[in-house]
């Protein structure tokens, strides 16, 4: 699987595969040594699994690596735990080569990637699990639907994020430029205290913004 991924990615002029790892412990060590922009992480691996590896990598603020979970999606609980661990998205193992390339580019750009087949299933269920850990800082007034300083346009962008829309799709929906959307998304993440778009989407679902 790793050899196949490497061949696909290295065929792209803008992508470089800087390392490989056979398990979670090797992944953490490689991330620390190589500081990759994006890490494609499996879940079930010998020794340290991908969930724990993701937690450790995301917790290291000096890295800034985005983690994309590559999974067969046969265990929902793994996916929910991966969200809480800080994964930036999911890709199915049976995805085509173009989807893998797109996933790496999207994650490198700071956007969340969720395979269309699993997006709403993962986000909606994760957001409604009573025991699911929070992935964003709650505002002081937990009962409020929105932080008071989120503008109407920012709230609108957050609602569209909760529908798993990309920046380009949001731009088309609101008839604004994609650069403007990126600015709004950045402001939303900052105001919510969310580490990434996935965390913001979970927040939106938990606060009835869908």
Protein backbone atom coordinates (compact mmCIF):
# COMPACT_ATOMS: atom_id res chain seq x y z
CA UNK A 1 0.00 0.00 0.00
CA UNK A 2 2.78 2.44 0.92
CA UNK A 3 4.67 1.65 -2.28
CA UNK A 4 1.56 2.35 -4.31
CA UNK A 5 0.97 5.65 -2.53
CA UNK A 6 4.58 6.67 -3.09
CA UNK A 7 4.37 5.98 -6.82
CA UNK A 8 1.19 8.00 -7.18
CA UNK A 9 2.43 10.97 -5.16
CA UNK A 10 5.93 11.14 -6.58
CA UNK A 11 4.48 11.29 -10.09
CA UNK A 12 3.24 14.79 -9.21
CA UNK A 13 5.67 17.67 -9.83
CA UNK A 14 4.57 19.55 -6.70
CA UNK A 15 4.67 16.64 -4.24
CA UNK A 16 7.62 14.94 -2.55
CA UNK A 17 7.41 11.83 -0.37
CA UNK A 18 9.93 12.44 2.40
CA UNK A 19 9.49 9.24 4.36
CA UNK A 20 7.55 6.10 5.22
CA UNK A 21 6.66 4.32 8.46
CA UNK A 22 5.46 0.80 9.16
CA UNK A 23 3.63 1.60 12.41
CA UNK A 24 2.57 4.44 14.68
CA UNK A 25 5.78 4.64 16.65
CA UNK A 26 7.83 4.93 13.46
CA UNK A 27 5.37 7.54 12.18
CA UNK A 28 5.84 9.73 15.25
CA UNK A 29 9.62 9.45 15.00
CA UNK A 30 9.59 10.17 11.25
CA UNK A 31 7.30 13.16 11.73
CA UNK A 32 9.63 14.61 14.34
CA UNK A 33 12.68 14.09 12.14
CA UNK A 34 11.20 15.15 8.80
CA UNK A 35 8.44 17.69 9.67
CA UNK A 36 6.20 16.73 6.71
CA UNK A 37 3.37 19.00 5.63
CA UNK A 38 0.94 16.08 5.36
CA UNK A 39 0.89 12.58 6.85
CA UNK A 40 -1.29 9.80 5.43
CA UNK A 41 -2.04 7.66 8.50
CA UNK A 42 -3.53 4.21 8.74
CA UNK A 43 -5.50 3.27 11.86
CA UNK A 44 -4.82 -0.38 12.52
CA UNK A 45 -1.07 -0.97 12.78
CA UNK A 46 1.15 -3.14 14.98
CA UNK A 47 2.48 -1.61 18.18
CA UNK A 48 1.28 1.99 18.41
CA UNK A 49 -1.83 2.45 16.28
CA UNK A 50 -2.64 5.41 14.08
CA UNK A 51 -4.94 7.03 16.62
CA UNK A 52 -2.26 7.37 19.27
CA UNK A 53 0.29 8.40 16.65
CA UNK A 54 -2.09 11.11 15.43
CA UNK A 55 -2.60 12.40 18.99
CA UNK A 56 1.14 12.68 19.55
CA UNK A 57 1.84 14.31 16.20
CA UNK A 58 -0.97 16.87 16.49
CA UNK A 59 0.03 17.64 20.08
CA UNK A 60 3.52 18.64 18.92
CA UNK A 61 3.02 22.30 18.06
CA UNK A 62 6.47 22.49 16.51
CA UNK A 63 5.44 20.17 13.67
CA UNK A 64 2.31 21.65 12.12
CA UNK A 65 1.74 18.44 10.16
CA UNK A 66 -1.77 17.72 8.89
CA UNK A 67 -2.85 14.11 9.37
CA UNK A 68 -5.21 12.46 6.88
CA UNK A 69 -6.57 9.13 8.06
CA UNK A 70 -6.62 6.51 5.31
CA UNK A 71 -9.17 3.89 6.27
CA UNK A 72 -11.55 1.22 5.04
CA UNK A 73 -14.22 2.87 7.26
CA UNK A 74 -15.24 -0.41 8.82
CA UNK A 75 -14.97 0.93 12.38
CA UNK A 76 -16.93 4.10 13.11
CA UNK A 77 -15.43 4.41 16.57
CA UNK A 78 -11.94 4.70 15.11
CA UNK A 79 -13.03 7.62 12.97
CA UNK A 80 -14.64 9.48 15.85
CA UNK A 81 -11.53 8.98 17.97
CA UNK A 82 -9.38 10.17 15.09
CA UNK A 83 -11.42 13.38 14.88
CA UNK A 84 -10.87 13.98 18.57
CA UNK A 85 -7.19 13.18 18.14
CA UNK A 86 -6.85 16.00 15.61
CA UNK A 87 -7.00 14.35 12.20
CA UNK A 88 -7.65 16.83 9.40
CA UNK A 89 -9.71 14.40 7.36
CA UNK A 90 -10.37 10.94 6.00
CA UNK A 91 -9.74 9.14 2.75
CA UNK A 92 -10.99 5.69 1.85
CA UNK A 93 -8.36 3.13 0.91
CA UNK A 94 -10.22 2.35 -2.30
CA UNK A 95 -10.05 5.97 -3.43
CA UNK A 96 -8.61 6.58 -6.87
CA UNK A 97 -5.12 8.03 -7.46
CA UNK A 98 -6.53 11.47 -8.25
CA UNK A 99 -8.36 11.49 -4.91
CA UNK A 100 -5.18 10.69 -3.01
CA UNK A 101 -3.31 13.49 -4.75
CA UNK A 102 -6.18 15.90 -4.11
CA UNK A 103 -6.34 14.87 -0.45
CA UNK A 104 -2.68 15.67 0.11
CA UNK A 105 -2.97 19.03 -1.61
CA UNK A 106 -6.13 19.95 0.29
CA UNK A 107 -4.61 19.04 3.64
CA UNK A 108 -1.41 20.91 2.81
CA UNK A 109 -3.49 24.01 2.08
CA UNK A 110 -4.98 23.83 5.56
CA UNK A 111 -8.41 22.62 4.52
CA UNK A 112 -10.23 19.60 5.89
CA UNK A 113 -10.75 16.61 3.66
CA UNK A 114 -13.61 14.21 4.28
CA UNK A 115 -14.45 11.58 1.69
CA UNK A 116 -17.93 12.36 0.30
CA UNK A 117 -19.08 8.84 1.18
CA UNK A 118 -18.47 9.39 4.89
CA UNK A 119 -18.59 13.13 5.52
CA UNK A 120 -22.06 13.59 6.96
CA UNK A 121 -22.14 10.19 8.63
CA UNK A 122 -18.92 10.87 10.51
CA UNK A 123 -19.52 14.50 11.45
CA UNK A 124 -23.17 14.19 12.41
CA UNK A 125 -22.73 11.10 14.54
CA UNK A 126 -19.59 12.39 16.20
CA UNK A 127 -21.24 15.70 16.99
CA UNK A 128 -24.21 14.05 18.71
CA UNK A 129 -22.40 11.45 20.79
CA UNK A 130 -22.93 12.47 24.45
CA UNK A 131 -19.60 11.00 25.49
CA UNK A 132 -17.60 12.29 22.55
CA UNK A 133 -14.80 14.62 23.68
CA UNK A 134 -14.90 18.21 22.54
CA UNK A 135 -12.45 19.19 19.84
CA UNK A 136 -12.92 22.93 20.19
CA UNK A 137 -12.97 25.29 23.12
CA UNK A 138 -16.52 26.02 24.25
CA UNK A 139 -17.55 29.66 24.64
CA UNK A 140 -18.23 30.96 28.14
CA UNK A 141 -21.98 30.76 27.58
CA UNK A 142 -22.28 27.11 26.66
CA UNK A 143 -26.00 27.41 26.01
CA UNK A 144 -25.53 30.11 23.38
CA UNK A 145 -25.83 28.97 19.78
CA UNK A 146 -22.94 31.18 18.69
CA UNK A 147 -20.12 33.21 20.18
CA UNK A 148 -21.32 36.82 20.37
CA UNK A 149 -18.48 38.08 18.18
CA UNK A 150 -19.19 35.83 15.20
CA UNK A 151 -20.56 38.04 12.41
CA UNK A 152 -23.61 37.11 10.34
CA UNK A 153 -21.41 36.28 7.35
CA UNK A 154 -19.03 34.21 9.48
CA UNK A 155 -22.00 32.30 10.91
CA UNK A 156 -23.23 31.70 7.38
CA UNK A 157 -19.81 30.37 6.36
CA UNK A 158 -19.77 28.10 9.42
CA UNK A 159 -23.16 26.67 8.48
CA UNK A 160 -21.88 25.90 5.00
CA UNK A 161 -18.77 24.30 6.47
CA UNK A 162 -21.12 22.09 8.47
CA UNK A 163 -22.57 20.91 5.15
CA UNK A 164 -19.08 19.70 4.20
CA UNK A 165 -18.69 22.34 1.50
CA UNK A 166 -15.24 23.30 0.19
CA UNK A 167 -14.02 26.88 -0.03
CA UNK A 168 -14.82 26.93 -3.74
CA UNK A 169 -18.36 25.64 -3.13
CA UNK A 170 -18.92 28.20 -0.37
CA UNK A 171 -17.69 30.95 -2.68
CA UNK A 172 -20.20 29.87 -5.35
CA UNK A 173 -23.01 29.64 -2.81
CA UNK A 174 -22.38 33.12 -1.37
CA UNK A 175 -21.29 34.77 -4.64
CA UNK A 176 -17.98 35.90 -3.17
CA UNK A 177 -14.34 35.23 -3.99
CA UNK A 178 -12.56 32.14 -2.73
CA UNK A 179 -9.91 34.33 -1.06
CA UNK A 180 -12.68 36.05 0.89
CA UNK A 181 -14.01 32.67 1.98
CA UNK A 182 -10.56 31.70 3.25
CA UNK A 183 -10.47 34.88 5.31
CA UNK A 184 -13.88 34.16 6.81
CA UNK A 185 -12.91 30.55 7.59
CA UNK A 186 -9.73 31.71 9.28
CA UNK A 187 -11.71 34.19 11.38
CA UNK A 188 -14.24 31.52 12.35
CA UNK A 189 -11.53 29.11 13.47
CA UNK A 190 -9.84 31.80 15.52
CA UNK A 191 -13.02 32.94 17.24
CA UNK A 192 -14.17 29.40 18.03
CA UNK A 193 -10.74 28.37 19.25
CA UNK A 194 -10.94 25.51 16.74
CA UNK A 195 -7.71 23.91 15.58
CA UNK A 196 -9.10 23.09 12.11
CA UNK A 197 -12.20 22.98 9.92
CA UNK A 198 -13.25 19.57 11.18
CA UNK A 199 -13.41 20.88 14.75
CA UNK A 200 -15.45 23.85 13.56
CA UNK A 201 -17.91 21.54 11.80
CA UNK A 202 -18.31 19.45 14.96
CA UNK A 203 -18.98 22.65 16.87
CA UNK A 204 -21.63 23.71 14.36
CA UNK A 205 -23.43 20.38 14.63
CA UNK A 206 -23.34 20.45 18.42
CA UNK A 207 -24.86 23.92 18.44
CA UNK A 208 -27.71 23.20 16.04
CA UNK A 209 -26.33 25.13 13.08
CA UNK A 210 -27.31 22.55 10.46
